[in-house]
Amino acid sequence: MKIVNKQEFYKLPAGTLFSFYEPCIFTGINIKGKTIQDMEKPIDFFYKSLIGNVSANHTGEFLDILSTANENKNEFKLDFITSSRDGIFDEESLYAIYNTNEILYLSNLISTCIGYK
C-alpha cells in the first residue's frame, strides 16, 4: 500500500483499488473510475464504492430500505454498477492505494466467505 496526494491520484488508471485516507484513518474500499479533465487539467474523478452502496433511486428510498431492513432483518440489494463523482475539490486530499498482492489477498480472503449465512 502507498499513500498518494490528489495530483498523483489523478494520474492513476481507472480500476485502481483505493481507500480515502486522512492521517491514520482509512475510509471505504473503492475502485477509481475516469479522471475528469477541464482543458487538460484534472479536476475530479469518478469511483465505485464497494461498501454501503444500497440499490436505491434516491435518498428517501435509500433511508426507507435501510430502516425496513433494520426493523425486519430482511435482505436488500446492493448496487455495484453505479459510479459516484468525488466532488471534493480539496487539493490536500490523500488516498491509500492497494497494490496487486494486497488485492489478490483481499480477493482470496473474501472468497472464503462464500456460503456463510
Protein backbone atom coordinates (compact mmCIF):
# COMPACT_ATOMS: atom_id res chain seq x y z
CA MET A 1 0.00 0.00 0.00
CA LYS A 2 1.09 3.54 -0.59
CA ILE A 3 -0.36 6.96 0.17
CA VAL A 4 -0.64 9.46 -2.68
CA ASN A 5 -1.83 13.04 -2.96
CA LYS A 6 -4.62 14.25 -5.24
CA GLN A 7 -2.41 15.11 -8.23
CA GLU A 8 -0.71 11.69 -8.08
CA PHE A 9 -4.10 10.02 -7.70
CA TYR A 10 -5.47 11.71 -10.85
CA LYS A 11 -2.67 10.03 -12.85
CA LEU A 12 -3.61 6.51 -11.72
CA PRO A 13 -5.64 4.39 -14.14
CA ALA A 14 -9.31 3.57 -13.84
CA GLY A 15 -9.58 0.29 -11.95
CA THR A 16 -7.20 1.30 -9.15
CA LEU A 17 -8.38 -0.02 -5.76
CA PHE A 18 -8.14 2.66 -3.06
CA SER A 19 -9.40 3.99 0.25
CA PHE A 20 -9.87 7.63 1.11
CA TYR A 21 -7.17 8.49 3.64
CA GLU A 22 -6.70 11.05 6.37
CA PRO A 23 -3.68 10.57 8.62
CA CYS A 24 -4.28 7.25 10.41
CA ILE A 25 -7.87 6.89 9.11
CA PHE A 26 -8.88 4.76 6.10
CA THR A 27 -12.43 5.17 4.74
CA GLY A 28 -14.14 2.72 2.40
CA ILE A 29 -12.86 0.45 -0.32
CA ASN A 30 -13.36 1.94 -3.76
CA ILE A 31 -12.48 1.47 -7.40
CA LYS A 32 -11.24 4.57 -9.22
CA GLY A 33 -13.03 5.47 -12.42
CA LYS A 34 -12.22 8.05 -15.05
CA THR A 35 -10.41 11.26 -14.13
CA ILE A 36 -12.41 14.33 -15.18
CA GLN A 37 -10.44 16.99 -17.04
CA ASP A 38 -11.05 20.67 -17.72
CA MET A 39 -8.87 21.97 -20.55
CA GLU A 40 -6.49 19.04 -19.99
CA LYS A 41 -6.19 19.82 -16.26
CA PRO A 42 -7.50 17.09 -13.92
CA ILE A 43 -10.23 18.46 -11.65
CA ASP A 44 -12.20 15.49 -10.29
CA PHE A 45 -12.84 11.75 -10.68
CA PHE A 46 -15.48 9.04 -10.63
CA TYR A 47 -15.37 6.00 -8.35
CA LYS A 48 -17.38 2.95 -7.32
CA SER A 49 -17.77 2.24 -3.64
CA LEU A 50 -17.62 -1.40 -2.58
CA ILE A 51 -19.19 -0.68 0.81
CA GLY A 52 -22.67 0.61 1.70
CA ASN A 53 -23.88 1.02 -1.85
CA VAL A 54 -27.57 0.24 -1.38
CA SER A 55 -29.52 -0.08 -4.64
CA ALA A 56 -31.87 2.92 -4.41
CA ASN A 57 -33.15 5.58 -6.79
CA HIS A 58 -32.97 8.48 -4.31
CA THR A 59 -32.06 9.33 -0.73
CA GLY A 60 -35.58 8.76 0.60
CA GLU A 61 -35.67 5.26 -0.86
CA PHE A 62 -32.16 4.59 0.50
CA LEU A 63 -33.30 5.55 4.01
CA ASP A 64 -36.55 3.54 3.71
CA ILE A 65 -34.68 0.41 2.57
CA LEU A 66 -32.23 0.59 5.47
CA SER A 67 -34.90 1.42 8.03
CA THR A 68 -37.02 -1.54 6.91
CA ALA A 69 -34.01 -3.86 6.83
CA ASN A 70 -33.04 -2.78 10.33
CA GLU A 71 -36.55 -3.34 11.70
CA ASN A 72 -37.40 -6.56 9.84
CA LYS A 73 -33.89 -8.04 9.45
CA ASN A 74 -34.59 -8.62 5.75
CA GLU A 75 -32.05 -8.59 2.93
CA PHE A 76 -31.76 -5.79 0.38
CA LYS A 77 -29.95 -5.35 -2.92
CA LEU A 78 -26.61 -3.64 -3.39
CA ASP A 79 -25.55 -1.61 -6.42
CA PHE A 80 -22.05 -2.35 -7.72
CA ILE A 81 -22.63 -0.67 -11.10
CA THR A 82 -23.40 2.98 -10.34
CA SER A 83 -20.44 5.33 -10.04
CA SER A 84 -20.19 8.43 -7.88
CA ARG A 85 -18.36 11.65 -8.56
CA ASP A 86 -15.95 12.67 -5.81
CA GLY A 87 -16.74 16.40 -5.89
CA ILE A 88 -14.28 17.19 -3.10
CA PHE A 89 -12.03 19.86 -4.51
CA ASP A 90 -9.52 19.80 -1.66
CA GLU A 91 -6.03 19.62 -3.13
CA GLU A 92 -4.76 18.28 0.21
CA SER A 93 -6.81 15.06 -0.12
CA LEU A 94 -4.92 11.80 0.30
CA TYR A 95 -5.60 8.28 -0.97
CA ALA A 96 -4.37 4.86 0.13
CA ILE A 97 -3.59 2.73 -2.93
CA TYR A 98 -3.71 -1.08 -2.74
CA ASN A 99 -1.02 -2.98 -4.64
CA THR A 100 -1.56 -6.14 -6.70
CA ASN A 101 -0.57 -8.54 -3.91
CA GLU A 102 -2.94 -6.86 -1.46
CA ILE A 103 -5.80 -7.01 -3.98
CA LEU A 104 -5.17 -10.73 -4.58
CA TYR A 105 -5.05 -11.37 -0.84
CA LEU A 106 -8.33 -9.48 -0.30
CA SER A 107 -9.94 -11.39 -3.16
CA ASN A 108 -8.88 -14.74 -1.68
CA LEU A 109 -9.98 -13.69 1.79
CA ILE A 110 -13.41 -12.60 0.54
CA SER A 111 -13.83 -15.87 -1.38
CA THR A 112 -13.58 -17.77 1.93
CA CYS A 113 -16.86 -16.09 2.95
CA ILE A 114 -18.89 -17.80 0.20
CA GLY A 115 -21.56 -19.94 1.79
CA TYR A 116 -21.59 -18.02 5.07
CA LYS A 117 -25.12 -17.05 6.13
